[in-house]
Amino acid sequence: MPRFQAAVILITAPNRAEAETIGRALLEQRLAACVQYESIDSDYIWNGGLCRDTEIRLTAKSAASLFKKTAKTVRALSSYDCPQILMLPVCGGSKDYLRWLQKQLAL
């Protein structure tokens, strides 16, 4: 059995309703054990122009092995042409929290 590698997956959505739809799907499919939502302002380049939008950032606590399934779910539910879906491997953390995290996921 491969060693458990916790991961944080950062996702953006254009509004709270879409973010919560994505978050609930990740939780229901056990692709995430916890999803947090934050309102953010984003500056970015799109189609050659500088843009600014208010977005919702989802921080999903998950596992590296679930990234592909998570990305597929996000793409299916996102209204963005190119949604942000970034995985950050977790290098450490509270053993109790990491144990809880692992037990919640569909591994």
N, C-alpha and C. Protein backbone atom coordinates (compact mmCIF):
# COMPACT_ATOMS: atom_id res chain seq x y z
N MET A 1 0.84 -1.18 0.00
CA MET A 1 0.00 0.00 0.00
C MET A 1 0.89 1.25 0.00
N PRO A 2 0.62 2.20 -0.93
CA PRO A 2 1.44 3.41 -0.97
C PRO A 2 1.26 4.25 0.30
N ARG A 3 2.30 4.97 0.64
CA ARG A 3 2.26 5.84 1.81
C ARG A 3 1.29 6.99 1.55
N PHE A 4 0.52 7.35 2.54
CA PHE A 4 -0.43 8.46 2.44
C PHE A 4 0.31 9.78 2.30
N GLN A 5 -0.03 10.56 1.28
CA GLN A 5 0.54 11.89 1.06
C GLN A 5 -0.60 12.89 1.10
N ALA A 6 -0.70 13.61 2.21
CA ALA A 6 -1.72 14.65 2.31
C ALA A 6 -1.43 15.76 1.31
N ALA A 7 -2.49 16.44 0.88
CA ALA A 7 -2.35 17.53 -0.08
C ALA A 7 -3.41 18.58 0.18
N VAL A 8 -3.07 19.80 -0.15
CA VAL A 8 -4.03 20.90 -0.15
C VAL A 8 -4.27 21.24 -1.62
N ILE A 9 -5.52 21.32 -2.00
CA ILE A 9 -5.86 21.64 -3.39
C ILE A 9 -6.56 22.99 -3.39
N LEU A 10 -5.99 23.94 -4.13
CA LEU A 10 -6.53 25.29 -4.24
C LEU A 10 -7.32 25.42 -5.53
N ILE A 11 -8.56 25.88 -5.39
CA ILE A 11 -9.50 25.98 -6.50
C ILE A 11 -10.14 27.36 -6.44
N THR A 12 -10.43 27.96 -7.58
CA THR A 12 -11.18 29.21 -7.56
C THR A 12 -12.51 29.04 -8.29
N ALA A 13 -13.48 29.82 -7.82
CA ALA A 13 -14.82 29.85 -8.42
C ALA A 13 -15.26 31.31 -8.50
N PRO A 14 -16.17 31.63 -9.43
CA PRO A 14 -16.57 33.02 -9.61
C PRO A 14 -17.50 33.55 -8.52
N ASN A 15 -18.14 32.66 -7.77
CA ASN A 15 -19.07 33.11 -6.74
C ASN A 15 -19.25 32.03 -5.68
N ARG A 16 -19.87 32.42 -4.57
CA ARG A 16 -20.02 31.52 -3.43
C ARG A 16 -20.88 30.30 -3.77
N ALA A 17 -21.96 30.50 -4.52
CA ALA A 17 -22.86 29.39 -4.85
C ALA A 17 -22.11 28.30 -5.63
N GLU A 18 -21.35 28.71 -6.64
CA GLU A 18 -20.60 27.71 -7.43
C GLU A 18 -19.52 27.06 -6.58
N ALA A 19 -18.86 27.85 -5.75
CA ALA A 19 -17.82 27.30 -4.86
C ALA A 19 -18.42 26.24 -3.94
N GLU A 20 -19.58 26.53 -3.37
CA GLU A 20 -20.21 25.56 -2.46
C GLU A 20 -20.70 24.32 -3.20
N THR A 21 -21.13 24.47 -4.43
CA THR A 21 -21.51 23.30 -5.24
C THR A 21 -20.30 22.40 -5.45
N ILE A 22 -19.18 23.00 -5.79
CA ILE A 22 -17.94 22.23 -5.98
C ILE A 22 -17.51 21.61 -4.66
N GLY A 23 -17.50 22.39 -3.60
CA GLY A 23 -17.08 21.88 -2.30
C GLY A 23 -17.93 20.72 -1.82
N ARG A 24 -19.25 20.84 -1.95
CA ARG A 24 -20.13 19.74 -1.52
C ARG A 24 -19.86 18.47 -2.33
N ALA A 25 -19.65 18.63 -3.63
CA ALA A 25 -19.36 17.46 -4.47
C ALA A 25 -18.07 16.77 -4.02
N LEU A 26 -17.05 17.56 -3.72
CA LEU A 26 -15.79 16.97 -3.26
C LEU A 26 -15.98 16.23 -1.94
N LEU A 27 -16.76 16.80 -1.05
CA LEU A 27 -17.02 16.15 0.24
C LEU A 27 -17.88 14.90 0.07
N GLU A 28 -18.93 14.99 -0.72
CA GLU A 28 -19.82 13.84 -0.93
C GLU A 28 -19.09 12.67 -1.59
N GLN A 29 -18.16 12.98 -2.50
CA GLN A 29 -17.39 11.92 -3.17
C GLN A 29 -16.18 11.48 -2.34
N ARG A 30 -16.01 12.10 -1.18
CA ARG A 30 -14.89 11.83 -0.28
C ARG A 30 -13.54 12.08 -0.96
N LEU A 31 -13.53 13.10 -1.82
CA LEU A 31 -12.28 13.54 -2.44
C LEU A 31 -11.61 14.60 -1.57
N ALA A 32 -12.35 15.15 -0.63
CA ALA A 32 -11.83 16.11 0.35
C ALA A 32 -12.46 15.79 1.70
N ALA A 33 -11.70 16.03 2.75
CA ALA A 33 -12.21 15.84 4.11
C ALA A 33 -12.73 17.14 4.68
N CYS A 34 -12.27 18.26 4.13
CA CYS A 34 -12.65 19.58 4.61
C CYS A 34 -12.46 20.54 3.45
N VAL A 35 -13.39 21.49 3.31
CA VAL A 35 -13.26 22.53 2.29
C VAL A 35 -13.51 23.87 2.97
N GLN A 36 -12.61 24.80 2.75
CA GLN A 36 -12.76 26.16 3.28
C GLN A 36 -12.97 27.12 2.13
N TYR A 37 -13.71 28.21 2.40
CA TYR A 37 -14.06 29.20 1.38
C TYR A 37 -13.59 30.58 1.83
N GLU A 38 -12.93 31.31 0.92
CA GLU A 38 -12.47 32.67 1.21
C GLU A 38 -12.76 33.56 0.01
N SER A 39 -13.24 34.76 0.27
CA SER A 39 -13.41 35.74 -0.79
C SER A 39 -12.04 36.40 -1.05
N ILE A 40 -11.65 36.45 -2.32
CA ILE A 40 -10.35 37.01 -2.69
C ILE A 40 -10.51 37.95 -3.89
N ASP A 41 -9.56 38.85 -4.06
CA ASP A 41 -9.46 39.66 -5.27
C ASP A 41 -8.30 39.12 -6.08
N SER A 42 -8.54 38.85 -7.35
CA SER A 42 -7.51 38.28 -8.22
C SER A 42 -7.20 39.21 -9.38
N ASP A 43 -5.93 39.49 -9.59
CA ASP A 43 -5.44 40.16 -10.79
C ASP A 43 -4.75 39.10 -11.63
N TYR A 44 -5.03 39.07 -12.91
CA TYR A 44 -4.46 38.03 -13.77
C TYR A 44 -4.49 38.47 -15.22
N ILE A 45 -3.72 37.79 -16.04
CA ILE A 45 -3.71 38.06 -17.47
C ILE A 45 -4.57 37.00 -18.15
N TRP A 46 -5.52 37.45 -18.96
CA TRP A 46 -6.41 36.53 -19.68
C TRP A 46 -6.61 37.08 -21.08
N ASN A 47 -6.38 36.25 -22.08
CA ASN A 47 -6.51 36.65 -23.49
C ASN A 47 -5.73 37.93 -23.79
N GLY A 48 -4.54 38.03 -23.20
CA GLY A 48 -3.66 39.15 -23.47
C GLY A 48 -3.95 40.42 -22.71
N GLY A 49 -4.98 40.42 -21.88
CA GLY A 49 -5.32 41.63 -21.15
C GLY A 49 -5.25 41.43 -19.64
N LEU A 50 -5.05 42.52 -18.94
CA LEU A 50 -5.02 42.49 -17.48
C LEU A 50 -6.44 42.53 -16.95
N CYS A 51 -6.77 41.61 -16.06
CA CYS A 51 -8.13 41.50 -15.52
C CYS A 51 -8.10 41.54 -14.01
N ARG A 52 -9.21 41.91 -13.40
CA ARG A 52 -9.38 41.87 -11.95
C ARG A 52 -10.79 41.38 -11.67
N ASP A 53 -10.88 40.40 -10.78
CA ASP A 53 -12.17 39.86 -10.37
C ASP A 53 -12.15 39.53 -8.89
N THR A 54 -13.33 39.54 -8.30
CA THR A 54 -13.52 38.98 -6.98
C THR A 54 -13.90 37.53 -7.19
N GLU A 55 -13.25 36.63 -6.47
CA GLU A 55 -13.51 35.20 -6.61
C GLU A 55 -13.63 34.57 -5.23
N ILE A 56 -14.01 33.32 -5.23
CA ILE A 56 -13.99 32.51 -4.02
C ILE A 56 -12.90 31.48 -4.19
N ARG A 57 -11.98 31.42 -3.20
CA ARG A 57 -10.94 30.39 -3.22
C ARG A 57 -11.39 29.26 -2.31
N LEU A 58 -11.37 28.06 -2.84
CA LEU A 58 -11.63 26.86 -2.06
C LEU A 58 -10.29 26.26 -1.70
N THR A 59 -10.14 25.90 -0.45
CA THR A 59 -8.96 25.17 0.02
C THR A 59 -9.48 23.81 0.44
N ALA A 60 -9.16 22.79 -0.33
CA ALA A 60 -9.64 21.44 -0.06
C ALA A 60 -8.52 20.61 0.54
N LYS A 61 -8.79 20.00 1.69
CA LYS A 61 -7.82 19.11 2.33
C LYS A 61 -8.05 17.72 1.77
N SER A 62 -7.03 17.14 1.17
CA SER A 62 -7.20 15.90 0.41
C SER A 62 -5.92 15.07 0.46
N ALA A 63 -5.75 14.25 -0.57
CA ALA A 63 -4.57 13.40 -0.72
C ALA A 63 -4.06 13.54 -2.15
N ALA A 64 -2.76 13.44 -2.31
CA ALA A 64 -2.16 13.56 -3.64
C ALA A 64 -2.75 12.53 -4.60
N SER A 65 -3.03 11.35 -4.11
CA SER A 65 -3.56 10.28 -4.97
C SER A 65 -4.96 10.57 -5.49
N LEU A 66 -5.66 11.54 -4.90
CA LEU A 66 -7.02 11.89 -5.33
C LEU A 66 -7.05 13.12 -6.24
N PHE A 67 -5.88 13.65 -6.58
CA PHE A 67 -5.85 14.89 -7.35
C PHE A 67 -6.54 14.77 -8.71
N LYS A 68 -6.26 13.72 -9.46
CA LYS A 68 -6.86 13.60 -10.81
C LYS A 68 -8.38 13.53 -10.73
N LYS A 69 -8.92 12.76 -9.78
CA LYS A 69 -10.38 12.68 -9.63
C LYS A 69 -10.95 14.02 -9.18
N THR A 70 -10.23 14.70 -8.31
CA THR A 70 -10.68 16.02 -7.84
C THR A 70 -10.71 17.01 -9.00
N ALA A 71 -9.66 17.04 -9.79
CA ALA A 71 -9.60 17.95 -10.93
C ALA A 71 -10.73 17.67 -11.92
N LYS A 72 -11.02 16.41 -12.15
CA LYS A 72 -12.10 16.04 -13.07
C LYS A 72 -13.45 16.54 -12.54
N THR A 73 -13.68 16.39 -11.26
CA THR A 73 -14.93 16.86 -10.65
C THR A 73 -15.03 18.37 -10.74
N VAL A 74 -13.95 19.06 -10.44
CA VAL A 74 -13.95 20.53 -10.50
C VAL A 74 -14.24 21.00 -11.93
N ARG A 75 -13.57 20.42 -12.90
CA ARG A 75 -13.78 20.82 -14.30
C ARG A 75 -15.22 20.60 -14.72
N ALA A 76 -15.85 19.52 -14.26
CA ALA A 76 -17.23 19.22 -14.62
C ALA A 76 -18.22 20.24 -14.02
N LEU A 77 -17.87 20.83 -12.88
CA LEU A 77 -18.79 21.73 -12.18
C LEU A 77 -18.46 23.21 -12.34
N SER A 78 -17.28 23.52 -12.82
CA SER A 78 -16.83 24.91 -12.92
C SER A 78 -17.36 25.59 -14.17
N SER A 79 -17.74 26.85 -14.03
CA SER A 79 -18.15 27.63 -15.20
C SER A 79 -16.95 28.30 -15.89
N TYR A 80 -15.77 28.21 -15.27
CA TYR A 80 -14.57 28.80 -15.87
C TYR A 80 -14.07 27.96 -17.04
N ASP A 81 -13.52 28.65 -18.06
CA ASP A 81 -12.87 27.95 -19.17
C ASP A 81 -11.61 27.23 -18.70
N CYS A 82 -10.92 27.85 -17.73
CA CYS A 82 -9.64 27.34 -17.26
C CYS A 82 -9.59 27.52 -15.73
N PRO A 83 -10.28 26.66 -14.98
CA PRO A 83 -10.31 26.85 -13.53
C PRO A 83 -8.95 26.59 -12.88
N GLN A 84 -8.67 27.37 -11.83
CA GLN A 84 -7.46 27.10 -11.05
C GLN A 84 -7.69 25.81 -10.26
N ILE A 85 -6.80 24.85 -10.45
CA ILE A 85 -6.81 23.61 -9.67
C ILE A 85 -5.34 23.28 -9.42
N LEU A 86 -4.85 23.66 -8.25
CA LEU A 86 -3.44 23.48 -7.92
C LEU A 86 -3.29 22.59 -6.70
N MET A 87 -2.42 21.61 -6.79
CA MET A 87 -2.16 20.74 -5.65
C MET A 87 -0.85 21.11 -4.98
N LEU A 88 -0.90 21.27 -3.67
CA LEU A 88 0.29 21.53 -2.87
C LEU A 88 0.48 20.36 -1.92
N PRO A 89 1.52 19.56 -2.09
CA PRO A 89 1.76 18.46 -1.16
C PRO A 89 2.01 18.99 0.24
N VAL A 90 1.50 18.30 1.23
CA VAL A 90 1.70 18.67 2.63
C VAL A 90 2.93 17.93 3.13
N CYS A 91 3.91 18.69 3.61
CA CYS A 91 5.18 18.11 4.05
C CYS A 91 5.17 17.70 5.52
N GLY A 92 4.18 18.12 6.25
CA GLY A 92 4.11 17.78 7.67
C GLY A 92 2.81 18.28 8.24
N GLY A 93 2.60 17.95 9.49
CA GLY A 93 1.39 18.39 10.16
C GLY A 93 1.15 17.58 11.41
N SER A 94 0.13 17.95 12.13
CA SER A 94 -0.26 17.25 13.34
C SER A 94 -0.63 15.80 12.99
N LYS A 95 -0.05 14.85 13.68
CA LYS A 95 -0.34 13.44 13.40
C LYS A 95 -1.81 13.13 13.57
N ASP A 96 -2.44 13.71 14.59
CA ASP A 96 -3.86 13.48 14.81
C ASP A 96 -4.69 13.99 13.64
N TYR A 97 -4.37 15.20 13.16
CA TYR A 97 -5.10 15.77 12.04
C TYR A 97 -4.89 14.94 10.78
N LEU A 98 -3.67 14.56 10.49
CA LEU A 98 -3.38 13.78 9.28
C LEU A 98 -4.05 12.41 9.33
N ARG A 99 -4.12 11.81 10.52
CA ARG A 99 -4.83 10.53 10.68
C ARG A 99 -6.32 10.72 10.39
N TRP A 100 -6.90 11.79 10.96
CA TRP A 100 -8.31 12.09 10.71
C TRP A 100 -8.55 12.31 9.22
N LEU A 101 -7.68 13.11 8.60
CA LEU A 101 -7.81 13.42 7.18
C LEU A 101 -7.83 12.14 6.35
N GLN A 102 -6.89 11.26 6.57
CA GLN A 102 -6.78 10.02 5.82
C GLN A 102 -8.04 9.17 5.97
N LYS A 103 -8.60 9.11 7.16
CA LYS A 103 -9.79 8.28 7.41
C LYS A 103 -11.03 8.79 6.70
N GLN A 104 -11.07 10.09 6.38
CA GLN A 104 -12.25 10.67 5.75
C GLN A 104 -12.30 10.50 4.25
N LEU A 105 -11.18 10.15 3.64
CA LEU A 105 -11.06 10.14 2.19
C LEU A 105 -11.31 8.77 1.58
N ALA A 106 -11.73 8.78 0.32
CA ALA A 106 -12.00 7.56 -0.44
C ALA A 106 -10.70 7.07 -1.05
N LEU A 107 -9.85 6.50 -0.21
CA LEU A 107 -8.54 6.03 -0.67
C LEU A 107 -8.57 4.54 -0.96
